[in-house]
N, C-alpha and C. Protein backbone atom coordinates (compact mmCIF):
# COMPACT_ATOMS: atom_id res chain seq x y z
N UNK A 1 19.65 -27.73 23.11
CA UNK A 1 18.77 -28.77 23.62
C UNK A 1 18.43 -28.49 25.08
N UNK A 2 19.39 -28.03 25.86
CA UNK A 2 19.08 -27.73 27.28
C UNK A 2 18.11 -26.60 27.38
N UNK A 3 18.06 -25.66 26.41
CA UNK A 3 17.11 -24.57 26.43
C UNK A 3 15.75 -24.93 25.86
N UNK A 4 15.57 -26.19 25.45
CA UNK A 4 14.30 -26.64 24.90
C UNK A 4 14.14 -26.39 23.42
N UNK A 5 15.19 -26.01 22.74
CA UNK A 5 15.16 -25.77 21.28
C UNK A 5 15.20 -27.09 20.57
N UNK A 6 14.33 -27.26 19.61
CA UNK A 6 14.36 -28.43 18.75
C UNK A 6 15.58 -28.37 17.83
N UNK A 7 16.30 -29.47 17.65
CA UNK A 7 17.43 -29.51 16.82
C UNK A 7 17.23 -30.52 15.69
N UNK A 8 17.38 -30.08 14.48
CA UNK A 8 17.28 -30.94 13.31
C UNK A 8 18.74 -31.29 12.86
N UNK A 9 19.09 -32.49 13.08
CA UNK A 9 20.45 -32.94 12.74
C UNK A 9 20.36 -33.66 11.39
N UNK A 10 20.93 -33.03 10.38
CA UNK A 10 20.89 -33.61 9.04
C UNK A 10 22.28 -34.21 8.78
N UNK A 11 22.30 -35.50 8.64
CA UNK A 11 23.59 -36.22 8.45
C UNK A 11 23.86 -36.45 6.94
N UNK A 12 25.12 -36.39 6.55
CA UNK A 12 25.46 -36.52 5.12
C UNK A 12 25.26 -37.91 4.55
N UNK A 13 25.02 -38.88 5.40
CA UNK A 13 24.90 -40.29 5.01
C UNK A 13 24.33 -41.06 6.20
N UNK A 14 23.97 -42.28 6.02
CA UNK A 14 23.46 -43.06 7.17
C UNK A 14 24.50 -43.09 8.27
N UNK A 15 24.03 -43.05 9.50
CA UNK A 15 24.91 -42.97 10.66
C UNK A 15 25.93 -44.10 10.70
N UNK A 16 25.58 -45.28 10.29
CA UNK A 16 26.59 -46.37 10.35
C UNK A 16 27.76 -46.12 9.43
N UNK A 17 27.56 -45.36 8.37
CA UNK A 17 28.65 -44.92 7.44
C UNK A 17 29.36 -43.71 8.03
N UNK A 18 28.54 -42.73 8.53
CA UNK A 18 29.05 -41.44 8.97
C UNK A 18 29.96 -41.58 10.16
N UNK A 19 29.71 -42.52 11.05
CA UNK A 19 30.52 -42.68 12.23
C UNK A 19 31.96 -42.99 11.98
N UNK A 20 32.30 -43.45 10.76
CA UNK A 20 33.68 -43.71 10.39
C UNK A 20 34.51 -42.43 10.35
N UNK A 21 33.87 -41.28 10.27
CA UNK A 21 34.58 -39.97 10.18
C UNK A 21 34.87 -39.41 11.56
N UNK A 22 34.60 -40.12 12.65
CA UNK A 22 34.73 -39.56 14.00
C UNK A 22 35.74 -40.38 14.80
N UNK A 23 36.48 -39.66 15.66
CA UNK A 23 37.26 -40.34 16.66
C UNK A 23 36.29 -40.92 17.71
N UNK A 24 36.68 -41.99 18.40
CA UNK A 24 35.72 -42.66 19.32
C UNK A 24 35.06 -41.74 20.36
N UNK A 25 35.86 -40.82 20.93
CA UNK A 25 35.29 -39.90 21.93
C UNK A 25 34.31 -38.90 21.32
N UNK A 26 34.62 -38.40 20.11
CA UNK A 26 33.70 -37.50 19.45
C UNK A 26 32.43 -38.22 18.98
N UNK A 27 32.56 -39.46 18.57
CA UNK A 27 31.40 -40.28 18.14
C UNK A 27 30.46 -40.48 19.32
N UNK A 28 31.05 -40.81 20.46
CA UNK A 28 30.20 -41.02 21.66
C UNK A 28 29.46 -39.79 22.05
N UNK A 29 30.14 -38.61 21.92
CA UNK A 29 29.49 -37.33 22.27
C UNK A 29 28.36 -37.06 21.26
N UNK A 30 28.58 -37.28 19.96
CA UNK A 30 27.56 -37.06 18.98
C UNK A 30 26.37 -37.97 19.21
N UNK A 31 26.64 -39.26 19.47
CA UNK A 31 25.56 -40.21 19.67
C UNK A 31 24.73 -39.82 20.89
N UNK A 32 25.36 -39.36 21.97
CA UNK A 32 24.62 -38.90 23.15
C UNK A 32 23.80 -37.71 22.83
N UNK A 33 24.27 -36.76 22.05
CA UNK A 33 23.48 -35.60 21.69
C UNK A 33 22.29 -35.99 20.79
N UNK A 34 22.49 -36.87 19.86
CA UNK A 34 21.46 -37.26 18.94
C UNK A 34 20.37 -38.08 19.65
N UNK A 35 20.70 -38.69 20.78
CA UNK A 35 19.73 -39.50 21.51
C UNK A 35 18.86 -38.69 22.43
N UNK A 36 19.19 -37.39 22.63
CA UNK A 36 18.46 -36.56 23.55
C UNK A 36 17.08 -36.15 22.98
N UNK A 37 16.10 -35.96 23.91
CA UNK A 37 14.81 -35.46 23.44
C UNK A 37 15.01 -34.07 22.78
N UNK A 38 14.28 -33.88 21.71
CA UNK A 38 14.43 -32.57 21.01
C UNK A 38 15.36 -32.66 19.86
N UNK A 39 16.16 -33.70 19.76
CA UNK A 39 17.06 -33.86 18.60
C UNK A 39 16.41 -34.79 17.59
N UNK A 40 16.20 -34.30 16.42
CA UNK A 40 15.58 -35.08 15.34
C UNK A 40 16.62 -35.32 14.25
N UNK A 41 16.83 -36.55 13.94
CA UNK A 41 17.91 -36.91 12.99
C UNK A 41 17.33 -37.34 11.63
N UNK A 42 17.90 -36.79 10.61
CA UNK A 42 17.54 -37.20 9.25
C UNK A 42 18.85 -37.53 8.56
N UNK A 43 18.90 -38.67 7.93
CA UNK A 43 20.12 -39.21 7.27
C UNK A 43 19.90 -39.13 5.78
N UNK A 44 20.79 -38.45 5.06
CA UNK A 44 20.72 -38.48 3.59
C UNK A 44 21.15 -39.84 3.07
N UNK A 45 20.57 -40.23 1.98
CA UNK A 45 20.91 -41.53 1.37
C UNK A 45 22.28 -41.39 0.71
N UNK A 46 22.96 -42.53 0.66
CA UNK A 46 24.21 -42.58 -0.13
C UNK A 46 23.91 -42.37 -1.61
N UNK A 47 24.70 -41.57 -2.33
CA UNK A 47 24.44 -41.36 -3.74
C UNK A 47 24.79 -42.64 -4.54
N UNK A 48 24.17 -42.68 -5.71
CA UNK A 48 24.48 -43.77 -6.61
C UNK A 48 25.98 -43.75 -6.98
N UNK A 49 26.57 -44.92 -7.07
CA UNK A 49 28.01 -44.95 -7.39
C UNK A 49 28.26 -44.48 -8.81
N UNK A 50 29.38 -43.87 -9.01
CA UNK A 50 29.87 -43.49 -10.36
C UNK A 50 31.03 -44.36 -10.73
N UNK A 51 30.96 -44.96 -11.88
CA UNK A 51 32.01 -45.86 -12.34
C UNK A 51 33.38 -45.14 -12.26
N UNK A 52 34.34 -45.84 -11.69
CA UNK A 52 35.69 -45.38 -11.61
C UNK A 52 35.96 -44.33 -10.50
N UNK A 53 34.92 -43.98 -9.78
CA UNK A 53 35.06 -42.96 -8.71
C UNK A 53 35.72 -43.61 -7.48
N UNK A 54 36.67 -42.90 -6.87
CA UNK A 54 37.30 -43.43 -5.66
C UNK A 54 36.30 -43.34 -4.49
N UNK A 55 36.54 -44.15 -3.49
CA UNK A 55 35.68 -44.05 -2.27
C UNK A 55 35.79 -42.68 -1.63
N UNK A 56 36.93 -42.06 -1.68
CA UNK A 56 37.10 -40.72 -1.08
C UNK A 56 36.25 -39.67 -1.82
N UNK A 57 36.25 -39.75 -3.15
CA UNK A 57 35.48 -38.86 -3.94
C UNK A 57 33.99 -39.06 -3.75
N UNK A 58 33.57 -40.32 -3.59
CA UNK A 58 32.16 -40.61 -3.34
C UNK A 58 31.72 -40.03 -2.00
N UNK A 59 32.62 -40.13 -1.00
CA UNK A 59 32.33 -39.59 0.33
C UNK A 59 32.27 -38.09 0.26
N UNK A 60 33.14 -37.48 -0.48
CA UNK A 60 33.08 -35.99 -0.68
C UNK A 60 31.78 -35.57 -1.27
N UNK A 61 31.23 -36.36 -2.19
CA UNK A 61 29.96 -36.00 -2.77
C UNK A 61 28.82 -36.02 -1.74
N UNK A 62 28.94 -36.89 -0.75
CA UNK A 62 27.97 -36.90 0.38
C UNK A 62 27.96 -35.57 1.09
N UNK A 63 29.16 -35.06 1.36
CA UNK A 63 29.29 -33.82 2.09
C UNK A 63 28.81 -32.60 1.27
N UNK A 64 29.08 -32.66 -0.04
CA UNK A 64 28.61 -31.61 -0.93
C UNK A 64 27.10 -31.58 -0.93
N UNK A 65 26.49 -32.77 -1.00
CA UNK A 65 25.01 -32.88 -0.99
C UNK A 65 24.46 -32.37 0.30
N UNK A 66 25.13 -32.64 1.41
CA UNK A 66 24.71 -32.15 2.73
C UNK A 66 24.68 -30.61 2.71
N UNK A 67 25.80 -30.03 2.25
CA UNK A 67 25.89 -28.57 2.20
C UNK A 67 24.77 -27.97 1.31
N UNK A 68 24.56 -28.56 0.18
CA UNK A 68 23.51 -28.08 -0.73
C UNK A 68 22.14 -28.18 -0.08
N UNK A 69 21.89 -29.31 0.56
CA UNK A 69 20.60 -29.52 1.24
C UNK A 69 20.35 -28.53 2.37
N UNK A 70 21.40 -28.29 3.18
CA UNK A 70 21.29 -27.32 4.23
C UNK A 70 20.95 -25.94 3.74
N UNK A 71 21.62 -25.54 2.65
CA UNK A 71 21.36 -24.23 2.09
C UNK A 71 19.94 -24.17 1.53
N UNK A 72 19.49 -25.16 0.84
CA UNK A 72 18.12 -25.15 0.23
C UNK A 72 17.07 -25.14 1.31
N UNK A 73 17.26 -25.81 2.40
CA UNK A 73 16.22 -25.94 3.41
C UNK A 73 16.20 -24.82 4.47
N UNK A 74 17.19 -24.00 4.47
CA UNK A 74 17.35 -23.01 5.50
C UNK A 74 16.99 -21.63 5.05
N UNK A 75 16.28 -20.90 5.93
CA UNK A 75 16.07 -19.52 5.76
C UNK A 75 16.99 -18.74 6.67
N UNK A 76 17.46 -19.43 7.67
CA UNK A 76 18.44 -18.87 8.62
C UNK A 76 19.35 -20.00 9.01
N UNK A 77 20.66 -19.78 8.95
CA UNK A 77 21.61 -20.78 9.30
C UNK A 77 22.58 -20.23 10.34
N UNK A 78 22.63 -20.85 11.46
CA UNK A 78 23.62 -20.48 12.50
C UNK A 78 24.75 -21.46 12.39
N UNK A 79 25.90 -20.92 11.98
CA UNK A 79 27.09 -21.75 11.77
C UNK A 79 28.17 -21.43 12.78
N UNK A 80 28.74 -22.46 13.36
CA UNK A 80 29.84 -22.24 14.27
C UNK A 80 31.09 -22.62 13.49
N UNK A 81 31.92 -21.60 13.27
CA UNK A 81 33.07 -21.74 12.38
C UNK A 81 34.22 -20.97 12.94
N UNK A 82 35.40 -21.57 12.94
CA UNK A 82 36.58 -20.88 13.48
C UNK A 82 37.27 -19.94 12.48
N UNK A 83 36.68 -19.81 11.29
CA UNK A 83 37.22 -18.90 10.30
C UNK A 83 38.34 -19.48 9.45
N UNK A 84 38.74 -20.72 9.77
CA UNK A 84 39.85 -21.35 9.02
C UNK A 84 39.28 -22.09 7.80
N UNK A 85 39.99 -21.98 6.69
CA UNK A 85 39.58 -22.76 5.50
C UNK A 85 39.80 -24.22 5.78
N UNK A 86 39.04 -25.07 5.10
CA UNK A 86 39.21 -26.52 5.19
C UNK A 86 39.64 -27.05 3.88
N UNK A 87 40.35 -28.14 3.90
CA UNK A 87 40.78 -28.85 2.72
C UNK A 87 39.77 -29.86 2.24
N UNK A 88 38.78 -30.21 3.12
CA UNK A 88 37.79 -31.17 2.80
C UNK A 88 36.67 -30.53 1.97
N UNK A 89 36.05 -31.31 1.14
CA UNK A 89 34.92 -30.82 0.34
C UNK A 89 33.72 -30.41 1.20
N UNK A 90 33.14 -29.27 0.83
CA UNK A 90 31.93 -28.77 1.45
C UNK A 90 32.05 -28.59 2.95
N UNK A 91 33.16 -28.09 3.35
CA UNK A 91 33.28 -27.84 4.80
C UNK A 91 32.49 -26.62 5.21
N UNK A 92 32.57 -26.31 6.48
CA UNK A 92 31.78 -25.16 7.00
C UNK A 92 32.09 -23.91 6.23
N UNK A 93 33.31 -23.66 5.86
CA UNK A 93 33.67 -22.44 5.16
C UNK A 93 32.92 -22.38 3.78
N UNK A 94 32.84 -23.50 3.09
CA UNK A 94 32.14 -23.51 1.83
C UNK A 94 30.62 -23.30 2.00
N UNK A 95 30.08 -23.85 3.05
CA UNK A 95 28.63 -23.69 3.31
C UNK A 95 28.33 -22.26 3.69
N UNK A 96 29.12 -21.68 4.58
CA UNK A 96 28.89 -20.29 5.01
C UNK A 96 29.10 -19.38 3.83
């Protein structure tokens, strides 16, 4: 953003839901970045509920959809990843 590059921030769900996944200091940092000129935010809709699905599984589906959408929309993806596997669904390792 400081270099004048436009940033498309694709969120896995509406921000009011997504913010529950952040510690307060990280959430404040993200909100400040998203509020900057040049940052364009798109929020994916919550998926339709599946009978008997746990809230955690429904949330995981949001992240899987995010990963799929990023892959479909990108011809080039710059990923910042520490190389460590994640236990969460559709983490950076899965997307890369």
